[in-house]
Amino acid sequence: MKNFITLIPRIIYLTYKIITSIFDPKVPLKIKMFFLLSIIYILSPYDLIRDIIPILGQLDDILVLLVAIIVYKLQSFRKSFEKNSKETIIEGEFRNLDETNEDENKK
């Protein structure tokens, strides 16, 4: 039960990030449409496997939700990878702080 309680904030944060990514202009339109279509599929009464069948009916909805989350994670991973792939060169000088402290103590 304790593990489930720690999972709730993560689920809320992931839901928030997915909703904000739908309104983000940087996210491609096909990703947005995939999210919206998966939400419509989950909420609609017409499924590939009817919800009347006890376990299989809900299993296809869960599968669509998991695929939507995986697509979001891959999209966010790709976006963070593109940000990190740009190399930034910072010029500066290097000095060892331990040596400067020893020099000051000798004086």
Protein backbone atom coordinates (compact mmCIF):
# COMPACT_ATOMS: atom_id res chain seq x y z
CA MET A 1 0.00 0.00 0.00
CA LYS A 2 2.88 2.35 0.80
CA ASN A 3 4.36 1.85 -2.68
CA PHE A 4 1.03 2.71 -4.27
CA ILE A 5 0.78 5.91 -2.25
CA THR A 6 4.22 7.01 -3.48
CA LEU A 7 3.11 6.20 -7.04
CA ILE A 8 0.14 8.61 -6.96
CA PRO A 9 2.19 11.85 -7.25
CA ARG A 10 4.09 10.37 -10.20
CA ILE A 11 0.85 9.51 -11.97
CA ILE A 12 -0.48 13.02 -11.36
CA TYR A 13 2.78 14.57 -12.64
CA LEU A 14 2.79 12.36 -15.75
CA THR A 15 -0.83 13.31 -16.46
CA TYR A 16 0.05 16.98 -16.08
CA LYS A 17 3.02 16.65 -18.45
CA ILE A 18 0.92 14.84 -21.06
CA ILE A 19 -1.80 17.48 -20.92
CA THR A 20 0.71 20.32 -21.22
CA SER A 21 2.44 18.57 -24.12
CA ILE A 22 -0.85 18.51 -26.02
CA PHE A 23 -0.88 22.33 -25.94
CA ASP A 24 2.86 22.70 -26.56
CA PRO A 25 3.60 24.01 -30.09
CA LYS A 26 6.97 22.20 -30.13
CA VAL A 27 5.31 18.78 -30.00
CA PRO A 28 4.54 17.37 -33.48
CA LEU A 29 0.91 17.23 -34.55
CA LYS A 30 0.95 13.45 -35.06
CA ILE A 31 1.96 12.92 -31.41
CA LYS A 32 -0.85 15.22 -30.25
CA MET A 33 -3.37 13.42 -32.44
CA PHE A 34 -2.19 10.06 -31.10
CA PHE A 35 -2.82 11.22 -27.52
CA LEU A 36 -6.24 12.60 -28.35
CA LEU A 37 -7.27 9.49 -30.28
CA SER A 38 -6.10 7.23 -27.47
CA ILE A 39 -8.14 9.23 -24.95
CA ILE A 40 -11.18 9.08 -27.22
CA TYR A 41 -10.70 5.32 -27.63
CA ILE A 42 -10.51 4.77 -23.88
CA LEU A 43 -13.60 6.86 -23.20
CA SER A 44 -15.69 5.55 -26.09
CA PRO A 45 -18.03 2.60 -25.60
CA TYR A 46 -16.91 1.06 -28.92
CA ASP A 47 -13.79 -1.04 -28.42
CA LEU A 48 -12.04 -3.83 -30.26
CA ILE A 49 -12.87 -6.06 -27.32
CA ARG A 50 -16.14 -5.18 -25.59
CA ASP A 51 -16.02 -4.11 -21.95
CA ILE A 52 -18.67 -6.74 -21.22
CA ILE A 53 -15.98 -9.44 -21.31
CA PRO A 54 -14.62 -9.38 -17.74
CA ILE A 55 -10.83 -8.98 -18.02
CA LEU A 56 -10.13 -8.69 -21.73
CA GLY A 57 -12.52 -5.76 -22.11
CA GLN A 58 -10.48 -3.56 -19.80
CA LEU A 59 -7.17 -4.99 -20.97
CA ASP A 60 -7.34 -3.33 -24.39
CA ASP A 61 -8.04 0.06 -22.77
CA ILE A 62 -5.04 -0.39 -20.47
CA LEU A 63 -2.91 -1.43 -23.44
CA VAL A 64 -3.86 1.72 -25.37
CA LEU A 65 -3.06 3.83 -22.30
CA LEU A 66 0.34 2.16 -21.87
CA VAL A 67 1.21 2.68 -25.54
CA ALA A 68 0.26 6.36 -25.25
CA ILE A 69 2.50 6.74 -22.20
CA ILE A 70 5.38 4.99 -23.98
CA VAL A 71 4.99 7.29 -26.99
CA TYR A 72 5.07 10.28 -24.66
CA LYS A 73 8.18 9.01 -22.89
CA LEU A 74 9.97 8.35 -26.19
CA GLN A 75 9.01 11.80 -27.45
CA SER A 76 10.24 13.50 -24.28
CA PHE A 77 13.44 11.41 -24.36
CA ARG A 78 14.05 12.44 -27.97
CA LYS A 79 13.44 16.09 -27.09
CA SER A 80 15.85 15.98 -24.15
CA PHE A 81 18.43 14.15 -26.27
CA GLU A 82 18.23 16.87 -28.93
CA LYS A 83 18.77 19.54 -26.27
CA ASN A 84 21.81 17.74 -24.87
CA SER A 85 23.32 16.94 -28.27
CA LYS A 86 24.21 20.59 -28.88
CA GLU A 87 27.71 20.97 -27.55
CA THR A 88 28.43 24.01 -25.44
CA ILE A 89 32.04 25.08 -25.07
CA ILE A 90 32.88 27.26 -22.12
CA GLU A 91 36.33 28.76 -22.09
CA GLY A 92 38.01 29.43 -18.81
CA GLU A 93 41.03 28.83 -16.65
CA PHE A 94 41.68 25.92 -14.35
CA ARG A 95 43.29 26.12 -10.95
CA ASN A 96 43.47 23.72 -8.07
CA LEU A 97 41.86 25.21 -4.97
CA ASP A 98 43.87 23.03 -2.60
CA GLU A 99 47.16 24.44 -3.89
CA THR A 100 45.97 28.05 -3.53
CA ASN A 101 44.84 27.40 0.07
CA GLU A 102 48.28 25.94 0.92
CA ASP A 103 50.03 28.94 -0.68
CA GLU A 104 47.90 31.37 1.37
CA ASN A 105 48.60 29.45 4.60
CA LYS A 106 52.38 29.64 4.00
CA LYS A 107 52.29 33.43 3.67
